[in-house]
């Protein structure tokens, strides 16, 4: 589905054009076309390839989809794959935006994502002095928007991690906490897979040899890369914290099990003393000295109570009970 297709000249909106009417604008000096598409069919991709002379390898990647985030250079063209990470009902959903950049065109293709980039187009049109830089500024604006959408997702995951840490030390169910920690780590890994490769790609667009189409925009792409570095570091810290939280949770489980074992051993000791005394006095030997003693039974009971009382006091002092 064609979302929109607009021609720009000297950073200002020139005209809305049809998908098959871009030829004259592509040939106009100082003019470029920005076309946005959503979930194109193979036929529509073939039309785009023919109309904009897109590199066949880039079109093949766009046709297959599910690409790793990257930025590839083909002669005077760039092909960028960005992952769009959206939080829906507590789960992360990953879409893609694939961007073809040439000297006189920018083609963006969005798949699997709900939120579009109408705000990005509006921002670019409100900054004509920057849009004068041409299609490369469109690539920057799209990258900046995608990266900015990572921050609220990361904030939500970090908030969930903080609440899980509180639950661990408040005596929550250990098994449930570990399961939720692993689920959180899996979602952080999804975000990591969107950020880390894109950081490698963004580093190609500033400093050193920069693709000609991105000349004079190094500072802007460096800003995107700085944001990616911050997000990547935050993800690494959160993953390390999760690993530590899981270790602490397992250690707390071990401590709880040790406390249970100590309590059981203490109760066993309290039962063993009267059992020993009763066993001795229950032996049916003829010449036991206490058999004819009238106070034998009360003495045996008192002996059990005193011995158990001393044992209970000792265990309570040692905090086993």
C-alpha atoms as a PDB file:
ATOM      1  CA  UNK A   1       0.000   0.000   0.000  1.00  0.00           C
ATOM      2  CA  UNK A   2       1.401   3.383  -1.033  1.00  0.00           C
ATOM      3  CA  UNK A   3       1.366   5.694   1.988  1.00  0.00           C
ATOM      4  CA  UNK A   4       2.527   8.865   0.265  1.00  0.00           C
ATOM      5  CA  UNK A   5       4.919  10.080  -2.414  1.00  0.00           C
ATOM      6  CA  UNK A   6       6.150  13.669  -2.395  1.00  0.00           C
ATOM      7  CA  UNK A   7       8.656  15.613  -4.462  1.00  0.00           C
ATOM      8  CA  UNK A   8      10.914  18.182  -2.750  1.00  0.00           C
ATOM      9  CA  UNK A   9      13.126  20.909  -4.135  1.00  0.00           C
ATOM     10  CA  UNK A  10      15.569  22.989  -2.121  1.00  0.00           C
ATOM     11  CA  UNK A  11      14.136  21.503   1.057  1.00  0.00           C
ATOM     12  CA  UNK A  12      10.537  22.493   0.345  1.00  0.00           C
ATOM     13  CA  UNK A  13       7.539  20.411  -0.617  1.00  0.00           C
ATOM     14  CA  UNK A  14       7.038  20.682  -4.347  1.00  0.00           C
ATOM     15  CA  UNK A  15       4.124  18.369  -5.146  1.00  0.00           C
ATOM     16  CA  UNK A  16       2.384  15.103  -4.289  1.00  0.00           C
ATOM     17  CA  UNK A  17       3.059  12.688  -7.134  1.00  0.00           C
ATOM     18  CA  UNK A  18       1.838   9.274  -8.142  1.00  0.00           C
ATOM     19  CA  UNK A  19       4.035   6.226  -7.785  1.00  0.00           C
ATOM     20  CA  UNK A  20       4.492   5.989 -11.557  1.00  0.00           C
ATOM     21  CA  UNK A  21       4.904   9.734 -12.098  1.00  0.00           C
ATOM     22  CA  UNK A  22       8.245  10.262 -10.386  1.00  0.00           C
ATOM     23  CA  UNK A  23      10.420  10.217 -13.526  1.00  0.00           C
ATOM     24  CA  UNK A  24      10.310  13.943 -14.357  1.00  0.00           C
ATOM     25  CA  UNK A  25      11.020  14.900 -10.745  1.00  0.00           C
ATOM     26  CA  UNK A  26      13.985  12.523 -10.519  1.00  0.00           C
ATOM     27  CA  UNK A  27      15.455  14.230 -13.575  1.00  0.00           C
ATOM     28  CA  UNK A  28      14.936  17.741 -12.180  1.00  0.00           C
ATOM     29  CA  UNK A  29      18.165  19.281 -10.724  1.00  0.00           C
ATOM     30  CA  UNK A  30      18.015  19.914  -6.978  1.00  0.00           C
ATOM     31  CA  UNK A  31      14.871  17.827  -6.660  1.00  0.00           C
ATOM     32  CA  UNK A  32      14.304  14.504  -4.903  1.00  0.00           C
ATOM     33  CA  UNK A  33      11.347  12.211  -4.284  1.00  0.00           C
ATOM     34  CA  UNK A  34      10.436  10.625  -0.940  1.00  0.00           C
ATOM     35  CA  UNK A  35       8.127   7.651  -1.322  1.00  0.00           C
ATOM     36  CA  UNK A  36       6.711   5.729   1.654  1.00  0.00           C
ATOM     37  CA  UNK A  37       5.233   2.259   1.213  1.00  0.00           C
ATOM     38  CA  UNK A  38       3.729  -0.298   3.581  1.00  0.00           C
ATOM     39  CA  UNK A  39       3.808  -4.086   3.065  1.00  0.00           C
ATOM     40  CA  UNK A  40       4.402  -3.965  -0.707  1.00  0.00           C
ATOM     41  CA  UNK A  41       3.732  -6.980  -2.910  1.00  0.00           C
ATOM     42  CA  UNK A  42       6.426  -8.492  -5.126  1.00  0.00           C
ATOM     43  CA  UNK A  43       4.903  -6.730  -8.124  1.00  0.00           C
ATOM     44  CA  UNK A  44       5.014  -3.376  -6.334  1.00  0.00           C
ATOM     45  CA  UNK A  45       8.655  -3.976  -5.349  1.00  0.00           C
ATOM     46  CA  UNK A  46       9.472  -4.720  -8.969  1.00  0.00           C
ATOM     47  CA  UNK A  47       7.825  -1.459  -9.989  1.00  0.00           C
ATOM     48  CA  UNK A  48       9.840   0.447  -7.396  1.00  0.00           C
ATOM     49  CA  UNK A  49      13.038  -1.225  -8.563  1.00  0.00           C
ATOM     50  CA  UNK A  50      12.372  -0.215 -12.145  1.00  0.00           C
ATOM     51  CA  UNK A  51      11.224   3.330 -11.358  1.00  0.00           C
ATOM     52  CA  UNK A  52      14.111   4.216  -9.024  1.00  0.00           C
ATOM     53  CA  UNK A  53      16.794   1.898 -10.467  1.00  0.00           C
ATOM     54  CA  UNK A  54      17.226   0.217  -7.074  1.00  0.00           C
ATOM     55  CA  UNK A  55      20.091  -2.214  -6.658  1.00  0.00           C
ATOM     56  CA  UNK A  56      18.858  -5.799  -7.187  1.00  0.00           C
ATOM     57  CA  UNK A  57      20.601  -7.158  -4.066  1.00  0.00           C
ATOM     58  CA  UNK A  58      18.915  -4.562  -1.886  1.00  0.00           C
ATOM     59  CA  UNK A  59      15.544  -5.310  -3.491  1.00  0.00           C
ATOM     60  CA  UNK A  60      16.073  -9.025  -2.881  1.00  0.00           C
ATOM     61  CA  UNK A  61      16.654  -8.349   0.820  1.00  0.00           C
ATOM     62  CA  UNK A  62      13.535  -6.192   0.953  1.00  0.00           C
ATOM     63  CA  UNK A  63      11.527  -8.888  -0.789  1.00  0.00           C
ATOM     64  CA  UNK A  64      12.538 -11.613   1.689  1.00  0.00           C
ATOM     65  CA  UNK A  65      12.321  -9.416   4.786  1.00  0.00           C
ATOM     66  CA  UNK A  66      13.377 -10.453   8.321  1.00  0.00           C
ATOM     67  CA  UNK A  67      16.794  -8.936   7.775  1.00  0.00           C
ATOM     68  CA  UNK A  68      19.382  -8.145  10.390  1.00  0.00           C
ATOM     69  CA  UNK A  69      19.640  -4.374  11.065  1.00  0.00           C
ATOM     70  CA  UNK A  70      22.312  -3.055   8.733  1.00  0.00           C
ATOM     71  CA  UNK A  71      23.388  -0.294   6.378  1.00  0.00           C
ATOM     72  CA  UNK A  72      24.800  -1.443   3.039  1.00  0.00           C
ATOM     73  CA  UNK A  73      26.408   0.738   0.384  1.00  0.00           C
ATOM     74  CA  UNK A  74      25.850   0.041  -3.307  1.00  0.00           C
ATOM     75  CA  UNK A  75      27.762   2.477  -5.532  1.00  0.00           C
ATOM     76  CA  UNK A  76      25.838   5.773  -5.110  1.00  0.00           C
ATOM     77  CA  UNK A  77      22.996   4.161  -3.124  1.00  0.00           C
ATOM     78  CA  UNK A  78      22.480   3.119   0.491  1.00  0.00           C
ATOM     79  CA  UNK A  79      20.183   0.388   1.782  1.00  0.00           C
ATOM     80  CA  UNK A  80      19.281   0.484   5.477  1.00  0.00           C
ATOM     81  CA  UNK A  81      17.305  -2.042   7.504  1.00  0.00           C
ATOM     82  CA  UNK A  82      15.981  -0.833  10.857  1.00  0.00           C
ATOM     83  CA  UNK A  83      13.999  -2.853  13.391  1.00  0.00           C
ATOM     84  CA  UNK A  84      10.942  -1.176  14.885  1.00  0.00           C
ATOM     85  CA  UNK A  85      10.326  -2.485  18.429  1.00  0.00           C
ATOM     86  CA  UNK A  86       6.825  -1.921  19.805  1.00  0.00           C
ATOM     87  CA  UNK A  87       5.373  -2.889  23.183  1.00  0.00           C
ATOM     88  CA  UNK A  88       1.905  -4.421  22.882  1.00  0.00           C
ATOM     89  CA  UNK A  89       0.143  -6.017  25.859  1.00  0.00           C
ATOM     90  CA  UNK A  90       3.437  -6.461  27.678  1.00  0.00           C
ATOM     91  CA  UNK A  91       5.123  -8.253  24.764  1.00  0.00           C
ATOM     92  CA  UNK A  92       7.622  -6.924  22.250  1.00  0.00           C
ATOM     93  CA  UNK A  93       6.705  -6.997  18.575  1.00  0.00           C
ATOM     94  CA  UNK A  94       9.351  -6.374  15.953  1.00  0.00           C
ATOM     95  CA  UNK A  95       8.673  -4.753  12.606  1.00  0.00           C
ATOM     96  CA  UNK A  96      11.013  -3.434   9.947  1.00  0.00           C
ATOM     97  CA  UNK A  97      11.555  -0.295   7.956  1.00  0.00           C
ATOM     98  CA  UNK A  98      13.792  -0.647   4.912  1.00  0.00           C
ATOM     99  CA  UNK A  99      15.156   2.551   3.412  1.00  0.00           C
ATOM    100  CA  UNK A 100      16.627   2.986  -0.064  1.00  0.00           C
ATOM    101  CA  UNK A 101      18.651   6.178  -0.423  1.00  0.00           C
ATOM    102  CA  UNK A 102      19.970   7.548  -3.723  1.00  0.00           C
ATOM    103  CA  UNK A 103      21.176  10.920  -4.953  1.00  0.00           C
ATOM    104  CA  UNK A 104      17.610  11.980  -5.831  1.00  0.00           C
ATOM    105  CA  UNK A 105      15.264   9.654  -3.978  1.00  0.00           C
ATOM    106  CA  UNK A 106      14.374   8.152  -0.613  1.00  0.00           C
ATOM    107  CA  UNK A 107      12.146   5.066  -0.561  1.00  0.00           C
ATOM    108  CA  UNK A 108      10.975   3.763   2.830  1.00  0.00           C
ATOM    109  CA  UNK A 109       9.159   0.427   3.173  1.00  0.00           C
ATOM    110  CA  UNK A 110       7.478  -0.447   6.464  1.00  0.00           C
ATOM    111  CA  UNK A 111       6.445  -3.997   7.386  1.00  0.00           C
ATOM    112  CA  UNK A 112       5.028  -5.530  10.561  1.00  0.00           C
ATOM    113  CA  UNK A 113       4.739  -2.270  12.513  1.00  0.00           C
ATOM    114  CA  UNK A 114       1.607  -0.402  13.529  1.00  0.00           C
ATOM    115  CA  UNK A 115       2.919   3.142  13.966  1.00  0.00           C
ATOM    116  CA  UNK A 116       4.013   4.921  10.823  1.00  0.00           C
ATOM    117  CA  UNK A 117       6.327   7.865  10.167  1.00  0.00           C
ATOM    118  CA  UNK A 118       3.928  10.694   9.353  1.00  0.00           C
ATOM    119  CA  UNK A 119       5.466  12.682  12.216  1.00  0.00           C
ATOM    120  CA  UNK A 120       8.920  12.232  10.677  1.00  0.00           C
ATOM    121  CA  UNK A 121       7.772  13.651   7.334  1.00  0.00           C
ATOM    122  CA  UNK A 122       6.143  16.587   9.146  1.00  0.00           C
ATOM    123  CA  UNK A 123       9.338  17.231  11.098  1.00  0.00           C
ATOM    124  CA  UNK A 124      11.443  17.213   7.936  1.00  0.00           C
ATOM    125  CA  UNK A 125       9.079  19.567   6.133  1.00  0.00           C
ATOM    126  CA  UNK A 126       9.234  21.944   9.111  1.00  0.00           C
ATOM    127  CA  UNK A 127      13.037  22.069   8.774  1.00  0.00           C
ATOM    128  CA  UNK A 128      13.617  22.962   5.097  1.00  0.00           C
ATOM    129  CA  UNK A 129      17.128  24.213   5.815  1.00  0.00           C
ATOM    130  CA  UNK A 130      18.041  20.657   6.845  1.00  0.00           C
ATOM    131  CA  UNK A 131      15.904  18.924   4.237  1.00  0.00           C
ATOM    132  CA  UNK A 132      18.064  20.744   1.670  1.00  0.00           C
ATOM    133  CA  UNK A 133      20.652  18.067   2.360  1.00  0.00           C
ATOM    134  CA  UNK A 134      18.386  15.734   0.421  1.00  0.00           C
ATOM    135  CA  UNK A 135      17.602  12.037   0.873  1.00  0.00           C
ATOM    136  CA  UNK A 136      20.402  11.543   3.437  1.00  0.00           C
ATOM    137  CA  UNK A 137      18.539  13.776   5.885  1.00  0.00           C
ATOM    138  CA  UNK A 138      15.443  11.603   5.373  1.00  0.00           C
ATOM    139  CA  UNK A 139      17.558   8.579   6.354  1.00  0.00           C
ATOM    140  CA  UNK A 140      18.794  10.427   9.450  1.00  0.00           C
ATOM    141  CA  UNK A 141      15.259  11.465  10.448  1.00  0.00           C
ATOM    142  CA  UNK A 142      13.946   7.911  10.078  1.00  0.00           C
ATOM    143  CA  UNK A 143      16.870   6.453  12.043  1.00  0.00           C
ATOM    144  CA  UNK A 144      16.474   9.076  14.755  1.00  0.00           C
ATOM    145  CA  UNK A 145      12.750   8.320  15.062  1.00  0.00           C
ATOM    146  CA  UNK A 146      13.296   4.546  15.253  1.00  0.00           C
ATOM    147  CA  UNK A 147      16.031   4.932  17.880  1.00  0.00           C
ATOM    148  CA  UNK A 148      13.912   7.350  19.936  1.00  0.00           C
ATOM    149  CA  UNK A 149      11.177   4.712  20.060  1.00  0.00           C
ATOM    150  CA  UNK A 150      13.600   2.341  21.789  1.00  0.00           C
ATOM    151  CA  UNK A 151      13.869   4.577  24.876  1.00  0.00           C
ATOM    152  CA  UNK A 152      10.296   4.158  26.240  1.00  0.00           C
ATOM    153  CA  UNK A 153      10.507   0.410  25.610  1.00  0.00           C
ATOM    154  CA  UNK A 154      13.776   0.234  27.548  1.00  0.00           C
ATOM    155  CA  UNK A 155      12.341   2.401  30.363  1.00  0.00           C
ATOM    156  CA  UNK A 156       9.383   0.036  30.708  1.00  0.00           C
ATOM    157  CA  UNK A 157      11.648  -3.012  30.853  1.00  0.00           C
ATOM    158  CA  UNK A 158      13.889  -1.363  33.458  1.00  0.00           C
ATOM    159  CA  UNK A 159      10.844  -0.467  35.581  1.00  0.00           C
ATOM    160  CA  UNK A 160       9.706  -4.081  35.436  1.00  0.00           C
ATOM    161  CA  UNK A 161      13.181  -5.192  36.510  1.00  0.00           C
ATOM    162  CA  UNK A 162      13.082  -2.861  39.534  1.00  0.00           C
ATOM    163  CA  UNK A 163       9.704  -4.227  40.628  1.00  0.00           C
ATOM    164  CA  UNK A 164      11.002  -7.789  40.260  1.00  0.00           C
ATOM    165  CA  UNK A 165      14.010  -6.969  42.438  1.00  0.00           C
ATOM    166  CA  UNK A 166      11.656  -5.681  45.140  1.00  0.00           C
ATOM    167  CA  UNK A 167       9.574  -8.867  44.925  1.00  0.00           C
ATOM    168  CA  UNK A 168      12.653 -11.068  45.333  1.00  0.00           C
ATOM    169  CA  UNK A 169      13.535  -9.500  48.692  1.00  0.00           C
ATOM    170  CA  UNK A 170       9.934  -9.282  49.850  1.00  0.00           C
ATOM    171  CA  UNK A 171       9.630 -13.069  49.944  1.00  0.00           C
ATOM    172  CA  UNK A 172       7.706 -13.627  46.698  1.00  0.00           C
ATOM    173  CA  UNK A 173       7.446 -17.023  45.039  1.00  0.00           C
ATOM    174  CA  UNK A 174      10.961 -17.889  43.866  1.00  0.00           C
ATOM    175  CA  UNK A 175       9.901 -19.973  40.866  1.00  0.00           C
ATOM    176  CA  UNK A 176       7.604 -17.235  39.562  1.00  0.00           C
ATOM    177  CA  UNK A 177      10.315 -14.594  40.018  1.00  0.00           C
ATOM    178  CA  UNK A 178      12.884 -16.628  38.087  1.00  0.00           C
ATOM    179  CA  UNK A 179      10.417 -17.267  35.261  1.00  0.00           C
ATOM    180  CA  UNK A 180       9.626 -13.552  35.007  1.00  0.00           C
ATOM    181  CA  UNK A 181      13.324 -12.674  35.080  1.00  0.00           C
ATOM    182  CA  UNK A 182      14.038 -15.045  32.201  1.00  0.00           C
ATOM    183  CA  UNK A 183      11.094 -13.618  30.242  1.00  0.00           C
ATOM    184  CA  UNK A 184      12.426 -10.102  30.842  1.00  0.00           C
ATOM    185  CA  UNK A 185      15.905 -11.150  29.725  1.00  0.00           C
ATOM    186  CA  UNK A 186      14.422 -12.573  26.515  1.00  0.00           C
ATOM    187  CA  UNK A 187      12.715  -9.243  25.763  1.00  0.00           C
ATOM    188  CA  UNK A 188      15.937  -7.355  26.443  1.00  0.00           C
ATOM    189  CA  UNK A 189      17.681  -9.694  24.012  1.00  0.00           C
ATOM    190  CA  UNK A 190      15.124  -8.797  21.335  1.00  0.00           C
ATOM    191  CA  UNK A 191      15.897  -5.116  21.881  1.00  0.00           C
ATOM    192  CA  UNK A 192      19.625  -5.875  21.878  1.00  0.00           C
ATOM    193  CA  UNK A 193      19.333  -7.551  18.482  1.00  0.00           C
ATOM    194  CA  UNK A 194      17.728  -4.377  17.122  1.00  0.00           C
ATOM    195  CA  UNK A 195      20.282  -1.978  18.625  1.00  0.00           C
ATOM    196  CA  UNK A 196      23.738  -3.576  18.441  1.00  0.00           C
ATOM    197  CA  UNK A 197      23.866  -4.280  14.671  1.00  0.00           C
ATOM    198  CA  UNK A 198      22.421  -0.840  13.897  1.00  0.00           C
ATOM    199  CA  UNK A 199      25.180   0.730  15.982  1.00  0.00           C
ATOM    200  CA  UNK A 200      27.743  -0.949  13.739  1.00  0.00           C
ATOM    201  CA  UNK A 201      25.925   0.322  10.654  1.00  0.00           C
ATOM    202  CA  UNK A 202      25.549   3.893  11.931  1.00  0.00           C
ATOM    203  CA  UNK A 203      29.290   4.101  12.574  1.00  0.00           C
ATOM    204  CA  UNK A 204      29.814   3.937   8.802  1.00  0.00           C
ATOM    205  CA  UNK A 205      27.991   7.231   8.285  1.00  0.00           C
ATOM    206  CA  UNK A 206      30.304   9.571  10.175  1.00  0.00           C
ATOM    207  CA  UNK A 207      34.048   9.906  10.561  1.00  0.00           C
ATOM    208  CA  UNK A 208      36.515   8.366   8.147  1.00  0.00           C
ATOM    209  CA  UNK A 209      35.153   7.499   4.738  1.00  0.00           C
ATOM    210  CA  UNK A 210      31.512   8.540   4.562  1.00  0.00           C
ATOM    211  CA  UNK A 211      29.242   7.540   1.631  1.00  0.00           C
ATOM    212  CA  UNK A 212      28.978  10.530  -0.738  1.00  0.00           C
ATOM    213  CA  UNK A 213      25.193  10.657  -0.383  1.00  0.00           C
ATOM    214  CA  UNK A 214      25.621  11.292   3.383  1.00  0.00           C
ATOM    215  CA  UNK A 215      28.237  14.014   3.129  1.00  0.00           C
ATOM    216  CA  UNK A 216      27.821  17.020   5.477  1.00  0.00           C
ATOM    217  CA  UNK A 217      25.542  15.097   7.862  1.00  0.00           C
ATOM    218  CA  UNK A 218      28.203  13.400   9.976  1.00  0.00           C
ATOM    219  CA  UNK A 219      27.226  15.270  13.151  1.00  0.00           C
ATOM    220  CA  UNK A 220      23.616  14.113  12.843  1.00  0.00           C
ATOM    221  CA  UNK A 221      24.504  10.471  12.320  1.00  0.00           C
ATOM    222  CA  UNK A 222      26.988  10.698  15.206  1.00  0.00           C
ATOM    223  CA  UNK A 223      24.117  11.865  17.408  1.00  0.00           C
ATOM    224  CA  UNK A 224      22.104   8.769  16.418  1.00  0.00           C
ATOM    225  CA  UNK A 225      25.108   6.584  17.156  1.00  0.00           C
ATOM    226  CA  UNK A 226      25.517   8.206  20.600  1.00  0.00           C
ATOM    227  CA  UNK A 227      21.892   7.368  21.410  1.00  0.00           C
ATOM    228  CA  UNK A 228      22.449   3.797  20.279  1.00  0.00           C
ATOM    229  CA  UNK A 229      25.538   3.541  22.498  1.00  0.00           C
ATOM    230  CA  UNK A 230      23.511   4.723  25.509  1.00  0.00           C
ATOM    231  CA  UNK A 231      20.735   2.241  24.819  1.00  0.00           C
ATOM    232  CA  UNK A 232      23.187  -0.594  24.202  1.00  0.00           C
ATOM    233  CA  UNK A 233      25.004   0.101  27.469  1.00  0.00           C
ATOM    234  CA  UNK A 234      21.712   0.286  29.386  1.00  0.00           C
ATOM    235  CA  UNK A 235      20.657  -3.059  27.923  1.00  0.00           C
ATOM    236  CA  UNK A 236      23.963  -4.639  28.964  1.00  0.00           C
ATOM    237  CA  UNK A 237      23.601  -3.260  32.495  1.00  0.00           C
ATOM    238  CA  UNK A 238      20.026  -4.531  32.731  1.00  0.00           C
ATOM    239  CA  UNK A 239      21.028  -7.994  31.494  1.00  0.00           C
ATOM    240  CA  UNK A 240      23.875  -8.139  34.033  1.00  0.00           C
ATOM    241  CA  UNK A 241      21.436  -7.068  36.741  1.00  0.00           C
ATOM    242  CA  UNK A 242      19.048  -9.845  35.723  1.00  0.00           C
ATOM    243  CA  UNK A 243      21.854 -12.408  35.893  1.00  0.00           C
ATOM    244  CA  UNK A 244      22.741 -11.131  39.364  1.00  0.00           C
ATOM    245  CA  UNK A 245      19.072 -11.155  40.421  1.00  0.00           C
ATOM    246  CA  UNK A 246      18.701 -14.767  39.302  1.00  0.00           C
ATOM    247  CA  UNK A 247      21.846 -15.721  41.263  1.00  0.00           C
ATOM    248  CA  UNK A 248      20.554 -13.894  44.337  1.00  0.00           C
ATOM    249  CA  UNK A 249      17.180 -15.583  43.960  1.00  0.00           C
ATOM    250  CA  UNK A 250      18.806 -19.011  43.783  1.00  0.00           C
ATOM    251  CA  UNK A 251      20.979 -18.137  46.795  1.00  0.00           C
ATOM    252  CA  UNK A 252      17.877 -17.113  48.754  1.00  0.00           C
ATOM    253  CA  UNK A 253      16.230 -20.413  47.823  1.00  0.00           C
ATOM    254  CA  UNK A 254      19.304 -22.256  49.131  1.00  0.00           C
ATOM    255  CA  UNK A 255      19.210 -20.232  52.370  1.00  0.00           C
ATOM    256  CA  UNK A 256      15.489 -20.981  52.797  1.00  0.00           C
ATOM    257  CA  UNK A 257      16.093 -24.666  52.223  1.00  0.00           C
ATOM    258  CA  UNK A 258      18.899 -24.569  54.804  1.00  0.00           C
ATOM    259  CA  UNK A 259      16.546 -22.950  57.315  1.00  0.00           C
ATOM    260  CA  UNK A 260      13.970 -25.667  56.700  1.00  0.00           C
ATOM    261  CA  UNK A 261      16.587 -28.398  57.150  1.00  0.00           C
ATOM    262  CA  UNK A 262      17.721 -26.816  60.437  1.00  0.00           C
ATOM    263  CA  UNK A 263      14.150 -26.650  61.718  1.00  0.00           C
ATOM    264  CA  UNK A 264      13.485 -30.261  60.800  1.00  0.00           C
ATOM    265  CA  UNK A 265      16.740 -31.334  62.473  1.00  0.00           C
ATOM    266  CA  UNK A 266      15.788 -29.353  65.586  1.00  0.00           C
ATOM    267  CA  UNK A 267      12.359 -30.972  65.823  1.00  0.00           C
ATOM    268  CA  UNK A 268      13.965 -34.342  65.255  1.00  0.00           C
ATOM    269  CA  UNK A 269      16.347 -33.729  68.149  1.00  0.00           C
ATOM    270  CA  UNK A 270      13.455 -32.694  70.424  1.00  0.00           C
ATOM    271  CA  UNK A 271      11.619 -35.902  69.580  1.00  0.00           C
ATOM    272  CA  UNK A 272      14.733 -38.092  69.875  1.00  0.00           C
ATOM    273  CA  UNK A 273      15.369 -37.279  73.583  1.00  0.00           C
ATOM    274  CA  UNK A 274      12.024 -38.480  74.979  1.00  0.00           C
ATOM    275  CA  UNK A 275      12.130 -41.393  72.545  1.00  0.00           C
ATOM    276  CA  UNK A 276      15.504 -42.430  73.967  1.00  0.00           C
ATOM    277  CA  UNK A 277      14.348 -42.175  77.576  1.00  0.00           C
ATOM    278  CA  UNK A 278      11.062 -43.977  76.885  1.00  0.00           C
ATOM    279  CA  UNK A 279      12.960 -46.655  75.013  1.00  0.00           C
ATOM    280  CA  UNK A 280      15.263 -47.270  77.961  1.00  0.00           C
ATOM    281  CA  UNK A 281      12.418 -47.424  80.477  1.00  0.00           C
ATOM    282  CA  UNK A 282      10.337 -49.549  78.171  1.00  0.00           C
ATOM    283  CA  UNK A 283      12.793 -52.467  78.147  1.00  0.00           C
ATOM    284  CA  UNK A 284      11.340 -55.510  79.866  1.00  0.00           C
ATOM    285  CA  UNK A 285      14.326 -56.627  81.937  1.00  0.00           C
ATOM    286  CA  UNK A 286      13.600 -58.239  85.291  1.00  0.00           C
ATOM    287  CA  UNK A 287      16.330 -56.562  87.315  1.00  0.00           C
ATOM    288  CA  UNK A 288      15.895 -52.909  86.290  1.00  0.00           C
ATOM    289  CA  UNK A 289      16.343 -50.786  89.450  1.00  0.00           C
ATOM    290  CA  UNK A 290      13.383 -48.481  88.688  1.00  0.00           C
ATOM    291  CA  UNK A 291      10.774 -51.237  88.185  1.00  0.00           C
ATOM    292  CA  UNK A 292       9.736 -51.254  91.820  1.00  0.00           C
ATOM    293  CA  UNK A 293      10.052 -47.510  92.381  1.00  0.00           C
ATOM    294  CA  UNK A 294       6.740 -45.718  92.891  1.00  0.00           C
ATOM    295  CA  UNK A 295       8.026 -42.399  91.538  1.00  0.00           C
ATOM    296  CA  UNK A 296       9.635 -43.966  88.428  1.00  0.00           C
ATOM    297  CA  UNK A 297       6.957 -42.795  85.972  1.00  0.00           C
ATOM    298  CA  UNK A 298       6.840 -39.158  87.180  1.00  0.00           C
ATOM    299  CA  UNK A 299      10.653 -39.111  87.240  1.00  0.00           C
ATOM    300  CA  UNK A 300      10.867 -40.343  83.647  1.00  0.00           C
ATOM    301  CA  UNK A 301       8.360 -37.715  82.461  1.00  0.00           C
ATOM    302  CA  UNK A 302      10.177 -34.961  84.359  1.00  0.00           C
ATOM    303  CA  UNK A 303      13.477 -36.103  82.897  1.00  0.00           C
ATOM    304  CA  UNK A 304      11.988 -35.901  79.378  1.00  0.00           C
ATOM    305  CA  UNK A 305      10.612 -32.388  79.963  1.00  0.00           C
ATOM    306  CA  UNK A 306      13.832 -31.071  81.472  1.00  0.00           C
ATOM    307  CA  UNK A 307      16.036 -32.568  78.760  1.00  0.00           C
ATOM    308  CA  UNK A 308      13.723 -31.318  75.978  1.00  0.00           C
ATOM    309  CA  UNK A 309      13.503 -27.893  77.620  1.00  0.00           C
ATOM    310  CA  UNK A 310      17.286 -27.576  77.741  1.00  0.00           C
ATOM    311  CA  UNK A 311      17.548 -28.731  74.122  1.00  0.00           C
ATOM    312  CA  UNK A 312      14.822 -26.280  73.013  1.00  0.00           C
ATOM    313  CA  UNK A 313      16.568 -23.408  74.807  1.00  0.00           C
ATOM    314  CA  UNK A 314      19.877 -24.283  73.153  1.00  0.00           C
ATOM    315  CA  UNK A 315      18.308 -24.500  69.673  1.00  0.00           C
ATOM    316  CA  UNK A 316      16.426 -21.239  70.137  1.00  0.00           C
ATOM    317  CA  UNK A 317      19.639 -19.526  71.248  1.00  0.00           C
ATOM    318  CA  UNK A 318      21.353 -20.799  68.103  1.00  0.00           C
ATOM    319  CA  UNK A 319      18.297 -19.534  66.069  1.00  0.00           C
ATOM    320  CA  UNK A 320      17.574 -22.962  64.626  1.00  0.00           C
ATOM    321  CA  UNK A 321      13.976 -22.641  65.765  1.00  0.00           C
END
